[in-house]
N, C-alpha and C. Protein backbone atom coordinates (compact mmCIF):
# COMPACT_ATOMS: atom_id res chain seq x y z
N MET A 1 15.77 7.34 -0.11
CA MET A 1 15.29 7.72 -1.28
C MET A 1 13.62 6.96 -1.24
N ARG A 2 12.62 7.85 -1.38
CA ARG A 2 11.36 7.52 -1.26
C ARG A 2 10.93 7.33 -2.90
N ALA A 3 10.31 6.02 -2.99
CA ALA A 3 9.57 5.62 -4.43
C ALA A 3 8.35 5.57 -4.49
N PHE A 4 7.68 5.98 -5.51
CA PHE A 4 6.14 5.66 -5.82
C PHE A 4 6.18 4.61 -6.76
N ILE A 5 5.54 3.46 -6.35
CA ILE A 5 5.24 2.41 -7.34
C ILE A 5 3.94 2.58 -7.86
N PHE A 6 3.63 2.77 -9.14
CA PHE A 6 2.25 2.80 -9.69
C PHE A 6 1.92 1.64 -10.20
N GLY A 7 0.80 1.05 -9.83
CA GLY A 7 0.34 -0.24 -10.32
C GLY A 7 -0.95 0.22 -11.07
N GLY A 8 -1.63 -0.89 -11.44
CA GLY A 8 -2.86 -0.65 -12.54
C GLY A 8 -4.03 -0.59 -11.72
N GLY A 9 -5.26 -0.74 -12.32
CA GLY A 9 -6.56 -0.52 -11.80
C GLY A 9 -6.88 0.91 -11.47
N GLU A 10 -8.07 0.96 -11.00
CA GLU A 10 -8.83 2.38 -10.85
C GLU A 10 -7.87 3.01 -9.43
N ILE A 11 -7.78 4.19 -9.51
CA ILE A 11 -7.37 4.85 -8.35
C ILE A 11 -8.16 6.36 -8.32
N TYR A 12 -8.14 6.91 -7.34
CA TYR A 12 -8.87 8.11 -7.07
C TYR A 12 -7.95 9.37 -7.00
N ALA A 13 -7.43 9.63 -8.20
CA ALA A 13 -6.53 10.73 -8.48
C ALA A 13 -6.96 12.17 -7.70
N GLU A 14 -8.02 12.54 -7.61
CA GLU A 14 -8.63 13.70 -6.99
C GLU A 14 -8.53 13.62 -5.51
N LEU A 15 -8.37 12.47 -4.84
CA LEU A 15 -8.53 12.26 -3.60
C LEU A 15 -6.80 12.07 -2.96
N MET A 16 -5.91 11.78 -4.02
CA MET A 16 -4.63 11.46 -3.50
C MET A 16 -3.91 12.75 -2.86
N ASP A 17 -3.63 12.71 -1.66
CA ASP A 17 -2.89 13.46 -0.92
C ASP A 17 -1.30 13.34 -0.82
N GLU A 18 -1.03 12.06 -1.36
CA GLU A 18 0.23 11.87 -1.25
C GLU A 18 0.98 11.72 -3.02
N ARG A 19 1.58 12.50 -3.24
CA ARG A 19 2.11 12.61 -4.71
C ARG A 19 3.68 12.73 -4.63
N PRO A 20 4.30 12.31 -5.88
CA PRO A 20 5.62 12.40 -5.90
C PRO A 20 5.94 13.90 -5.96
N GLU A 21 7.29 14.13 -5.43
CA GLU A 21 7.83 15.45 -5.53
C GLU A 21 9.26 15.37 -5.41
N GLY A 22 9.89 16.53 -5.80
CA GLY A 22 11.39 16.59 -5.44
C GLY A 22 12.14 15.36 -6.17
N GLN A 23 12.77 14.77 -5.41
CA GLN A 23 13.63 13.83 -5.85
C GLN A 23 12.94 12.39 -5.53
N ASP A 24 11.88 12.33 -5.40
CA ASP A 24 11.15 10.98 -5.30
C ASP A 24 11.33 10.18 -6.73
N MET A 25 11.47 8.91 -6.50
CA MET A 25 11.47 7.99 -7.79
C MET A 25 10.39 7.52 -8.00
N VAL A 26 9.89 7.58 -9.30
CA VAL A 26 8.79 7.07 -9.61
C VAL A 26 8.84 5.82 -10.69
N VAL A 27 8.33 4.70 -10.27
CA VAL A 27 8.33 3.43 -11.15
C VAL A 27 6.99 3.05 -11.43
N CYS A 28 6.78 2.63 -12.55
CA CYS A 28 5.44 2.22 -13.07
C CYS A 28 5.50 0.64 -13.40
N ALA A 29 4.45 0.12 -13.04
CA ALA A 29 4.26 -1.46 -13.27
C ALA A 29 3.36 -1.36 -14.41
N ASP A 30 3.67 -1.58 -15.45
CA ASP A 30 2.79 -1.71 -16.85
C ASP A 30 1.68 -0.69 -16.85
N GLY A 31 0.44 -1.20 -16.56
CA GLY A 31 -0.71 -0.12 -16.60
C GLY A 31 -0.76 0.95 -15.56
N GLY A 32 0.13 0.76 -14.78
CA GLY A 32 0.45 1.81 -13.57
C GLY A 32 0.89 3.21 -14.43
N TYR A 33 1.44 3.01 -15.62
CA TYR A 33 1.79 4.24 -16.55
C TYR A 33 0.72 5.24 -16.62
N GLU A 34 -0.58 4.64 -16.85
CA GLU A 34 -1.66 5.68 -16.85
C GLU A 34 -2.05 6.23 -15.69
N ASN A 35 -2.00 5.68 -14.41
CA ASN A 35 -2.18 6.15 -13.15
C ASN A 35 -1.18 7.13 -12.68
N ALA A 36 0.12 7.13 -13.32
CA ALA A 36 1.01 8.07 -12.98
C ALA A 36 0.81 9.28 -13.74
N GLY A 37 0.33 9.20 -14.93
CA GLY A 37 -0.09 10.20 -15.75
C GLY A 37 -1.23 11.13 -15.15
N LYS A 38 -2.24 10.34 -14.45
CA LYS A 38 -3.14 11.02 -13.75
C LYS A 38 -2.81 12.13 -12.81
N LEU A 39 -1.60 11.68 -12.06
CA LEU A 39 -0.92 12.71 -11.16
C LEU A 39 0.02 13.51 -11.70
N GLY A 40 0.30 13.54 -13.02
CA GLY A 40 1.28 14.40 -13.81
C GLY A 40 2.68 14.03 -13.10
N ALA A 41 2.83 12.83 -12.88
CA ALA A 41 4.15 12.44 -12.17
C ALA A 41 5.15 11.98 -13.64
N HIS A 42 6.43 12.62 -13.59
CA HIS A 42 7.37 12.24 -14.58
C HIS A 42 7.98 10.75 -14.00
N ILE A 43 7.97 9.84 -15.08
CA ILE A 43 8.32 8.37 -14.84
C ILE A 43 9.88 8.17 -14.96
N ASN A 44 10.30 7.53 -14.03
CA ASN A 44 11.94 7.31 -14.26
C ASN A 44 12.06 5.86 -14.60
N LEU A 45 11.02 5.17 -14.22
CA LEU A 45 11.28 3.62 -14.73
C LEU A 45 10.08 2.98 -15.03
N LEU A 46 9.77 2.22 -16.15
CA LEU A 46 8.55 1.41 -16.47
C LEU A 46 9.03 0.10 -16.58
N VAL A 47 8.26 -0.78 -16.07
CA VAL A 47 8.67 -2.24 -15.98
C VAL A 47 7.29 -3.22 -16.38
N GLY A 48 7.56 -4.24 -16.81
CA GLY A 48 6.40 -5.31 -17.05
C GLY A 48 6.46 -5.82 -18.41
N ASP A 49 5.45 -6.49 -18.88
CA ASP A 49 5.38 -7.14 -20.10
C ASP A 49 4.48 -6.22 -21.12
N PHE A 50 4.00 -5.30 -20.47
CA PHE A 50 3.08 -4.06 -21.45
C PHE A 50 1.88 -4.88 -22.06
N ASP A 51 1.39 -5.81 -21.48
CA ASP A 51 0.03 -6.19 -22.05
C ASP A 51 -1.00 -5.28 -21.85
N SER A 52 -0.86 -4.44 -20.75
CA SER A 52 -1.96 -3.66 -20.31
C SER A 52 -1.93 -2.27 -21.19
N ILE A 53 -0.66 -1.75 -21.51
CA ILE A 53 -0.73 -0.47 -22.22
C ILE A 53 -0.42 -0.78 -23.70
N GLY A 54 -0.04 -1.88 -24.28
CA GLY A 54 -0.01 -2.22 -25.48
C GLY A 54 1.42 -1.84 -26.08
N SER A 55 1.52 -0.71 -26.43
CA SER A 55 2.83 -0.19 -26.89
C SER A 55 3.83 0.52 -25.88
N ILE A 56 4.95 0.44 -26.07
CA ILE A 56 6.01 0.99 -25.08
C ILE A 56 6.05 2.71 -25.27
N PRO A 57 5.83 3.37 -24.44
CA PRO A 57 5.92 4.84 -24.48
C PRO A 57 7.19 5.21 -24.52
N SER A 58 7.54 6.61 -24.94
CA SER A 58 8.97 7.21 -25.22
C SER A 58 9.22 8.24 -24.19
N ASP A 59 8.14 8.43 -23.14
CA ASP A 59 8.41 9.47 -22.37
C ASP A 59 8.81 9.07 -20.92
N VAL A 60 9.59 8.06 -20.91
CA VAL A 60 10.18 7.64 -19.55
C VAL A 60 11.64 7.33 -19.65
N ASP A 61 12.43 7.55 -18.51
CA ASP A 61 13.64 7.50 -18.44
C ASP A 61 14.36 6.15 -18.69
N GLU A 62 13.64 5.00 -18.23
CA GLU A 62 14.25 3.73 -18.29
C GLU A 62 13.02 2.70 -18.40
N ILE A 63 13.25 1.67 -19.31
CA ILE A 63 12.26 0.66 -19.35
C ILE A 63 13.00 -0.66 -19.35
N VAL A 64 12.16 -1.67 -18.37
CA VAL A 64 12.64 -2.92 -18.29
C VAL A 64 11.64 -3.75 -18.65
N GLN A 65 11.56 -4.46 -19.74
CA GLN A 65 10.61 -5.46 -20.48
C GLN A 65 10.88 -6.73 -20.09
N VAL A 66 9.67 -7.50 -19.81
CA VAL A 66 9.97 -8.82 -19.37
C VAL A 66 8.94 -9.67 -20.09
N PRO A 67 9.01 -10.92 -20.22
CA PRO A 67 8.19 -11.82 -20.85
C PRO A 67 6.75 -11.79 -20.16
N ALA A 68 5.63 -11.98 -20.74
CA ALA A 68 4.40 -12.10 -20.19
C ALA A 68 4.17 -13.30 -19.24
N LYS A 69 4.95 -14.25 -19.35
CA LYS A 69 4.87 -15.66 -18.48
C LYS A 69 6.20 -15.49 -17.68
N LYS A 70 5.78 -15.23 -16.29
CA LYS A 70 6.95 -14.99 -15.52
C LYS A 70 6.46 -15.27 -14.06
N ASP A 71 7.45 -15.23 -13.23
CA ASP A 71 7.04 -16.01 -11.72
C ASP A 71 6.69 -14.70 -10.77
N VAL A 72 6.78 -13.49 -11.19
CA VAL A 72 6.37 -12.39 -10.17
C VAL A 72 5.39 -11.70 -11.15
N THR A 73 4.51 -10.90 -10.10
CA THR A 73 3.69 -9.73 -10.76
C THR A 73 4.47 -8.62 -11.22
N ASP A 74 3.75 -7.76 -11.87
CA ASP A 74 4.56 -6.55 -12.23
C ASP A 74 4.81 -5.65 -11.28
N VAL A 75 3.98 -5.58 -10.30
CA VAL A 75 4.35 -4.72 -8.97
C VAL A 75 5.40 -5.28 -8.12
N GLN A 76 5.50 -6.56 -8.02
CA GLN A 76 6.80 -7.13 -7.44
C GLN A 76 7.87 -6.78 -8.06
N LEU A 77 7.93 -7.08 -9.42
CA LEU A 77 9.01 -6.68 -10.22
C LEU A 77 9.48 -5.05 -10.23
N ALA A 78 8.29 -4.31 -10.01
CA ALA A 78 8.78 -2.77 -9.93
C ALA A 78 9.11 -2.42 -8.65
N VAL A 79 8.95 -3.18 -7.44
CA VAL A 79 9.50 -2.88 -6.27
C VAL A 79 10.93 -3.43 -6.16
N LYS A 80 11.08 -4.51 -6.67
CA LYS A 80 12.52 -5.17 -6.84
C LYS A 80 13.29 -4.17 -7.41
N CYS A 81 12.77 -3.58 -8.65
CA CYS A 81 13.90 -2.42 -9.30
C CYS A 81 13.91 -1.27 -8.66
N ALA A 82 13.10 -0.89 -7.95
CA ALA A 82 13.08 0.40 -7.22
C ALA A 82 14.26 0.23 -6.02
N ILE A 83 14.02 -0.93 -5.27
CA ILE A 83 15.03 -1.22 -4.18
C ILE A 83 16.45 -1.40 -4.85
N GLU A 84 16.72 -1.94 -5.81
CA GLU A 84 17.84 -1.97 -6.51
C GLU A 84 18.60 -0.71 -7.05
N ARG A 85 17.55 0.35 -7.14
CA ARG A 85 18.12 1.54 -7.43
C ARG A 85 18.16 2.48 -6.37
N GLY A 86 18.02 1.90 -5.10
CA GLY A 86 18.28 2.68 -3.86
C GLY A 86 17.00 3.02 -3.05
N ALA A 87 15.88 2.70 -3.64
CA ALA A 87 14.63 3.04 -2.55
C ALA A 87 14.56 2.36 -1.25
N ASN A 88 14.30 3.15 -0.19
CA ASN A 88 14.33 2.70 1.25
C ASN A 88 13.15 3.23 1.77
N ASP A 89 12.07 3.61 1.04
CA ASP A 89 10.72 4.10 1.54
C ASP A 89 9.82 4.00 0.25
N ILE A 90 8.87 3.10 0.62
CA ILE A 90 7.96 2.98 -0.85
C ILE A 90 6.53 3.02 -0.57
N ILE A 91 6.02 3.75 -1.50
CA ILE A 91 4.45 4.12 -1.54
C ILE A 91 4.12 3.40 -2.80
N ILE A 92 3.17 2.41 -2.60
CA ILE A 92 2.45 1.59 -3.77
C ILE A 92 1.02 2.27 -4.03
N VAL A 93 0.87 2.80 -5.34
CA VAL A 93 -0.17 3.44 -5.63
C VAL A 93 -0.98 2.56 -6.62
N GLY A 94 -2.15 1.91 -6.12
CA GLY A 94 -2.77 0.83 -6.97
C GLY A 94 -4.14 0.65 -6.54
N SER A 95 -4.88 -0.01 -7.37
CA SER A 95 -6.27 -0.42 -6.97
C SER A 95 -6.18 -1.42 -5.82
N THR A 96 -7.23 -0.82 -4.71
CA THR A 96 -7.43 -1.89 -3.62
C THR A 96 -9.14 -2.23 -3.75
N ASP A 97 -9.62 -1.78 -4.84
CA ASP A 97 -11.28 -2.15 -4.91
C ASP A 97 -11.65 -2.60 -6.39
N GLY A 98 -10.67 -3.38 -6.95
CA GLY A 98 -11.04 -3.91 -8.34
C GLY A 98 -10.94 -5.39 -8.28
N ARG A 99 -10.35 -6.01 -9.00
CA ARG A 99 -10.23 -7.54 -8.84
C ARG A 99 -9.49 -8.03 -7.55
N LEU A 100 -10.15 -8.80 -6.92
CA LEU A 100 -9.70 -9.25 -5.67
C LEU A 100 -8.28 -9.96 -5.69
N ASP A 101 -8.06 -10.78 -6.55
CA ASP A 101 -6.68 -11.27 -6.71
C ASP A 101 -5.81 -10.32 -6.81
N HIS A 102 -5.93 -9.38 -7.68
CA HIS A 102 -4.92 -8.35 -7.74
C HIS A 102 -4.88 -7.40 -6.56
N THR A 103 -5.81 -7.22 -5.85
CA THR A 103 -5.80 -6.47 -4.57
C THR A 103 -4.92 -7.30 -3.47
N LEU A 104 -5.22 -8.47 -3.30
CA LEU A 104 -4.32 -9.15 -2.34
C LEU A 104 -3.15 -9.52 -2.57
N SER A 105 -2.70 -9.78 -3.96
CA SER A 105 -1.36 -9.82 -4.19
C SER A 105 -0.55 -8.46 -4.18
N LEU A 106 -1.25 -7.34 -4.43
CA LEU A 106 -0.93 -6.08 -4.19
C LEU A 106 -0.49 -5.81 -2.79
N ILE A 107 -1.40 -5.85 -1.82
CA ILE A 107 -0.84 -5.67 -0.62
C ILE A 107 -0.06 -6.77 0.26
N ALA A 108 0.00 -7.96 -0.57
CA ALA A 108 0.93 -8.81 0.32
C ALA A 108 2.44 -8.28 0.03
N VAL A 109 2.71 -7.59 -0.91
CA VAL A 109 3.94 -7.09 -0.94
C VAL A 109 4.34 -6.24 0.22
N LEU A 110 3.38 -5.85 1.02
CA LEU A 110 3.83 -4.99 2.09
C LEU A 110 4.58 -5.99 3.15
N GLU A 111 4.19 -7.30 3.37
CA GLU A 111 4.78 -7.94 4.19
C GLU A 111 6.22 -8.37 3.87
N ASP A 112 6.69 -8.62 2.48
CA ASP A 112 7.70 -8.80 2.21
C ASP A 112 8.71 -7.35 2.45
N LEU A 113 8.25 -6.36 2.31
CA LEU A 113 8.76 -5.09 2.55
C LEU A 113 9.24 -4.72 3.97
N TRP A 114 8.18 -5.35 4.76
CA TRP A 114 8.46 -5.23 6.23
C TRP A 114 9.38 -6.11 6.72
N ASP A 115 9.69 -7.28 6.05
CA ASP A 115 10.67 -8.26 6.39
C ASP A 115 12.19 -7.46 5.89
N LYS A 116 12.00 -6.69 4.89
CA LYS A 116 13.34 -6.07 4.35
C LYS A 116 13.61 -4.95 5.22
N LYS A 117 12.76 -4.54 6.09
CA LYS A 117 12.80 -3.28 7.14
C LYS A 117 12.60 -2.05 6.37
N ILE A 118 11.71 -2.09 5.24
CA ILE A 118 11.44 -0.78 4.39
C ILE A 118 10.03 -0.32 4.47
N PRO A 119 9.91 0.78 5.19
CA PRO A 119 8.78 1.47 5.33
C PRO A 119 7.90 1.60 4.14
N ALA A 120 6.58 1.08 4.12
CA ALA A 120 5.91 1.03 2.87
C ALA A 120 4.34 0.96 3.16
N HIS A 121 3.54 1.74 2.31
CA HIS A 121 2.02 1.38 2.25
C HIS A 121 1.47 1.45 1.05
N VAL A 122 0.26 1.02 1.00
CA VAL A 122 -0.51 1.02 -0.39
C VAL A 122 -1.52 2.00 0.02
N VAL A 123 -1.84 2.78 -1.31
CA VAL A 123 -2.87 3.87 -1.36
C VAL A 123 -3.33 3.89 -2.60
N ASN A 124 -4.69 4.22 -2.59
CA ASN A 124 -5.38 4.58 -4.09
C ASN A 124 -6.28 5.58 -3.98
N GLY A 125 -6.24 6.41 -2.94
CA GLY A 125 -6.88 7.80 -2.70
C GLY A 125 -8.22 7.70 -1.78
N LYS A 126 -8.87 6.51 -1.72
CA LYS A 126 -9.81 6.06 -0.91
C LYS A 126 -9.49 5.14 0.32
N ASN A 127 -8.31 4.41 0.14
CA ASN A 127 -7.95 3.52 1.04
C ASN A 127 -6.33 3.46 1.09
N ARG A 128 -5.86 3.41 2.49
CA ARG A 128 -4.44 3.37 2.58
C ARG A 128 -4.42 2.15 3.44
N VAL A 129 -3.31 1.26 3.03
CA VAL A 129 -3.27 0.12 3.80
C VAL A 129 -1.59 -0.04 4.39
N ARG A 130 -1.45 -0.49 5.67
CA ARG A 130 -0.08 -0.72 6.09
C ARG A 130 -0.08 -2.18 6.82
N TYR A 131 1.06 -2.66 6.97
CA TYR A 131 1.35 -4.14 7.44
C TYR A 131 2.18 -3.82 8.49
N ILE A 132 1.69 -4.38 9.72
CA ILE A 132 2.64 -4.32 11.14
C ILE A 132 2.76 -5.66 11.51
N ARG A 133 3.64 -6.18 12.37
CA ARG A 133 3.91 -7.32 13.01
C ARG A 133 4.63 -7.07 14.28
N ASP A 134 3.96 -7.51 15.45
CA ASP A 134 4.66 -7.34 16.75
C ASP A 134 5.25 -6.05 16.85
N SER A 135 4.28 -4.96 16.58
CA SER A 135 4.75 -3.70 16.71
C SER A 135 3.41 -2.77 16.70
N GLY A 136 3.69 -1.41 16.50
CA GLY A 136 2.63 -0.37 16.73
C GLY A 136 2.61 0.65 15.58
N VAL A 137 1.69 1.36 15.46
CA VAL A 137 1.54 2.51 14.41
C VAL A 137 0.69 3.65 14.91
N ILE A 138 1.10 4.77 14.48
CA ILE A 138 0.11 5.89 15.06
C ILE A 138 -0.51 6.33 13.70
N LEU A 139 -1.99 6.61 13.70
CA LEU A 139 -2.65 7.02 12.90
C LEU A 139 -2.91 8.52 13.15
N VAL A 140 -2.71 9.49 12.40
CA VAL A 140 -2.88 11.00 12.50
C VAL A 140 -4.20 11.19 11.87
N ARG A 141 -5.20 12.02 12.63
CA ARG A 141 -6.46 12.29 12.00
C ARG A 141 -6.39 12.98 10.73
N SER A 142 -7.13 12.53 9.72
CA SER A 142 -7.03 12.84 8.36
C SER A 142 -8.34 12.71 7.67
N ALA A 143 -8.35 12.90 6.27
CA ALA A 143 -9.57 12.71 5.50
C ALA A 143 -9.99 11.39 5.44
N TYR A 144 -9.24 10.44 6.00
CA TYR A 144 -9.66 8.85 6.10
C TYR A 144 -10.56 8.81 7.43
N LYS A 145 -11.71 8.64 7.30
CA LYS A 145 -12.64 8.56 8.39
C LYS A 145 -12.47 7.18 9.14
N TYR A 146 -12.48 6.38 8.60
CA TYR A 146 -12.41 5.00 9.20
C TYR A 146 -10.96 4.18 9.30
N PHE A 147 -10.91 3.32 10.35
CA PHE A 147 -9.64 2.55 10.26
C PHE A 147 -9.89 1.21 10.99
N SER A 148 -9.62 0.14 10.46
CA SER A 148 -9.83 -1.13 10.91
C SER A 148 -8.43 -1.93 11.00
N VAL A 149 -8.36 -2.82 12.02
CA VAL A 149 -7.29 -3.84 12.11
C VAL A 149 -7.61 -5.04 11.88
N VAL A 150 -7.12 -5.69 10.87
CA VAL A 150 -7.33 -6.93 10.19
C VAL A 150 -6.25 -8.21 10.49
N ALA A 151 -6.75 -9.06 11.25
CA ALA A 151 -5.71 -10.02 11.73
C ALA A 151 -5.34 -11.01 10.58
N LEU A 152 -4.03 -11.30 10.53
CA LEU A 152 -3.59 -12.02 9.39
C LEU A 152 -3.10 -13.44 9.89
N ASP A 153 -2.67 -13.46 11.07
CA ASP A 153 -2.49 -14.80 11.76
C ASP A 153 -3.61 -15.46 12.22
N ARG A 154 -3.61 -16.71 12.65
CA ARG A 154 -4.80 -17.25 13.21
C ARG A 154 -5.19 -16.64 14.46
N ARG A 155 -4.37 -16.36 15.37
CA ARG A 155 -4.69 -15.34 16.37
C ARG A 155 -3.80 -14.26 16.70
N VAL A 156 -4.02 -13.16 16.69
CA VAL A 156 -3.21 -11.96 17.05
C VAL A 156 -3.38 -11.63 18.43
N LYS A 157 -2.39 -11.59 19.07
CA LYS A 157 -2.51 -11.35 20.52
C LYS A 157 -2.12 -9.85 21.11
N GLY A 158 -3.02 -9.42 22.08
CA GLY A 158 -2.54 -8.28 22.92
C GLY A 158 -2.70 -7.17 21.88
N VAL A 159 -3.82 -6.89 21.26
CA VAL A 159 -4.01 -5.72 20.51
C VAL A 159 -4.73 -4.43 21.20
N THR A 160 -3.93 -3.39 21.29
CA THR A 160 -4.50 -2.34 22.09
C THR A 160 -4.60 -1.09 21.02
N ILE A 161 -5.91 -0.38 21.14
CA ILE A 161 -6.38 0.67 20.34
C ILE A 161 -6.73 1.91 21.30
N GLU A 162 -5.88 2.81 21.13
CA GLU A 162 -6.20 4.08 21.77
C GLU A 162 -6.66 5.14 20.94
N GLY A 163 -7.56 6.28 21.48
CA GLY A 163 -7.74 7.25 20.56
C GLY A 163 -8.98 6.86 19.43
N GLY A 164 -9.38 5.77 19.61
CA GLY A 164 -10.53 5.44 18.60
C GLY A 164 -11.91 5.29 19.45
N GLU A 165 -12.96 5.35 18.55
CA GLU A 165 -14.23 5.24 19.26
C GLU A 165 -14.49 4.06 20.05
N TYR A 166 -13.84 2.91 19.33
CA TYR A 166 -13.94 1.68 19.80
C TYR A 166 -12.36 1.12 20.43
N PRO A 167 -12.05 1.44 21.51
CA PRO A 167 -10.97 1.18 22.04
C PRO A 167 -10.85 -0.33 22.41
N LEU A 168 -9.52 -0.79 22.42
CA LEU A 168 -9.07 -2.25 22.79
C LEU A 168 -8.00 -2.06 23.85
N VAL A 169 -7.96 -2.91 24.83
CA VAL A 169 -6.82 -3.13 25.73
C VAL A 169 -6.18 -4.42 25.82
N LYS A 170 -5.23 -4.78 25.11
CA LYS A 170 -4.70 -5.94 25.11
C LYS A 170 -5.65 -7.13 25.00
N LYS A 171 -6.39 -7.14 23.71
CA LYS A 171 -7.41 -8.10 23.43
C LYS A 171 -6.71 -8.83 22.15
N ASP A 172 -7.18 -10.18 22.11
CA ASP A 172 -6.87 -11.08 20.91
C ASP A 172 -7.99 -10.94 19.91
N ILE A 173 -7.38 -10.99 18.62
CA ILE A 173 -8.24 -11.02 17.35
C ILE A 173 -7.88 -12.29 16.64
N GLU A 174 -9.05 -12.86 16.29
CA GLU A 174 -8.89 -14.18 15.50
C GLU A 174 -9.02 -13.83 14.03
N ARG A 175 -8.38 -14.46 13.20
CA ARG A 175 -8.40 -14.46 11.68
C ARG A 175 -9.84 -14.85 11.23
N GLY A 176 -10.46 -15.67 11.90
CA GLY A 176 -11.70 -16.26 11.55
C GLY A 176 -12.95 -15.42 12.00
N PHE A 177 -12.66 -14.41 12.97
CA PHE A 177 -13.45 -13.50 13.65
C PHE A 177 -12.99 -12.34 13.88
N GLN A 178 -13.08 -11.45 12.49
CA GLN A 178 -12.57 -10.12 12.53
C GLN A 178 -13.56 -9.08 13.28
N TYR A 179 -13.25 -8.32 14.35
CA TYR A 179 -14.12 -7.50 14.76
C TYR A 179 -13.76 -6.18 15.01
N ALA A 180 -12.22 -5.93 14.70
CA ALA A 180 -11.80 -4.47 14.93
C ALA A 180 -11.92 -3.78 13.58
N VAL A 181 -13.10 -3.62 13.24
CA VAL A 181 -13.34 -3.14 11.69
C VAL A 181 -14.31 -1.85 11.96
N SER A 182 -13.84 -0.81 11.25
CA SER A 182 -14.71 0.36 11.02
C SER A 182 -14.83 1.23 12.33
N ASN A 183 -13.54 1.32 12.58
CA ASN A 183 -13.43 2.40 13.91
C ASN A 183 -13.16 3.74 13.47
N GLU A 184 -13.12 4.80 14.24
CA GLU A 184 -13.03 6.16 13.92
C GLU A 184 -12.16 6.68 14.84
N ILE A 185 -11.32 7.75 14.69
CA ILE A 185 -10.40 8.59 15.39
C ILE A 185 -11.18 9.40 16.15
N THR A 186 -11.02 9.46 17.29
CA THR A 186 -11.81 10.57 18.29
C THR A 186 -11.09 11.76 18.75
N LYS A 187 -9.70 11.50 18.68
CA LYS A 187 -8.79 12.62 19.12
C LYS A 187 -8.13 13.09 17.91
N ASN A 188 -6.78 13.60 18.20
CA ASN A 188 -5.91 13.99 17.17
C ASN A 188 -5.35 12.79 16.35
N ALA A 189 -5.25 11.62 16.99
CA ALA A 189 -4.44 10.33 16.49
C ALA A 189 -5.05 9.21 17.18
N ALA A 190 -4.69 8.21 16.49
CA ALA A 190 -4.95 6.88 17.35
C ALA A 190 -3.70 6.03 17.34
N LEU A 191 -3.58 5.30 18.35
CA LEU A 191 -2.36 4.49 18.56
C LEU A 191 -2.83 3.03 18.45
N ILE A 192 -2.26 2.36 17.71
CA ILE A 192 -2.64 0.86 17.53
C ILE A 192 -1.34 0.06 17.86
N ASN A 193 -1.45 -0.88 18.82
CA ASN A 193 -0.19 -1.65 18.97
C ASN A 193 -0.54 -3.13 19.11
N VAL A 194 0.23 -3.97 18.58
CA VAL A 194 0.12 -5.38 18.62
C VAL A 194 1.25 -6.00 19.26
N LYS A 195 0.86 -6.75 20.35
CA LYS A 195 1.87 -7.58 21.01
C LYS A 195 2.60 -8.73 20.12
N LYS A 196 1.74 -9.65 19.75
CA LYS A 196 2.26 -10.66 19.04
C LYS A 196 1.30 -11.10 17.75
N GLY A 197 1.81 -10.99 16.60
CA GLY A 197 1.13 -11.34 15.30
C GLY A 197 1.11 -10.14 14.30
N ALA A 198 0.53 -10.46 13.14
CA ALA A 198 0.57 -9.53 12.04
C ALA A 198 -0.92 -9.07 11.63
N VAL A 199 -0.84 -7.78 11.34
CA VAL A 199 -2.13 -7.29 10.90
C VAL A 199 -2.00 -6.47 9.71
N TYR A 200 -3.13 -6.25 9.06
CA TYR A 200 -3.33 -5.00 8.24
C TYR A 200 -3.87 -3.75 8.74
N VAL A 201 -3.52 -2.64 8.80
CA VAL A 201 -3.97 -1.54 9.28
C VAL A 201 -4.51 -0.58 8.11
N ILE A 202 -5.90 -0.60 8.04
CA ILE A 202 -6.53 -0.20 6.79
C ILE A 202 -7.38 1.24 7.14
N GLU A 203 -6.86 2.40 6.42
CA GLU A 203 -7.64 3.50 6.64
C GLU A 203 -8.69 3.58 5.41
N SER A 204 -9.77 4.18 5.67
CA SER A 204 -10.61 4.24 4.38
C SER A 204 -11.47 5.50 4.54
N ARG A 205 -11.77 6.09 3.30
CA ARG A 205 -12.61 7.40 3.27
C ARG A 205 -14.17 6.71 2.77
N ASP A 206 -15.22 7.38 3.29
CA ASP A 206 -16.47 7.03 2.96
C ASP A 206 -16.89 7.84 1.68
N LYS A 207 -16.21 8.91 1.27
CA LYS A 207 -16.57 9.40 0.10
C LYS A 207 -15.20 10.30 -0.39
């Protein structure tokens, strides 16, 4: 089952080409309730302490309320609840250009999902983020004009990029010196492969 997890912050609803449909599960983390509404999505589950939306809405199927003081973020809790209800493919919709602490904690969830072998990415309409480790990914040409490979380990080894304006063949990227940034797909798709290490693969629009 595919699940859409809606977090808070600004999203670009008019640019979103991935939207809940059919039997997709929709889970909102507190302020994500408003973002789900922008896409006209019916909400199956709303979780959080509700400090962002204030009152508890009545147009959702299920509500999980937790104390404001807790050891997980609302998005982490929403992902946990989605998995417990059978989700095995997750799209997190949330801000990636607002508060930096929220952004980093949001996309860090992708590493946990990778360890759980659950396909996942984060999207807000202008950016799409994936996490891969010792693996590869194919990026199909789309409205996302740019893509970047951002090293997360001190040294990521054997990075190959095919089908990009700036190709790489088995090169290393250091976390302290990121240079595989702002590439562009020149063919129908780009192939990114990492021999050893973890990276974020980030696709971005310029408008």
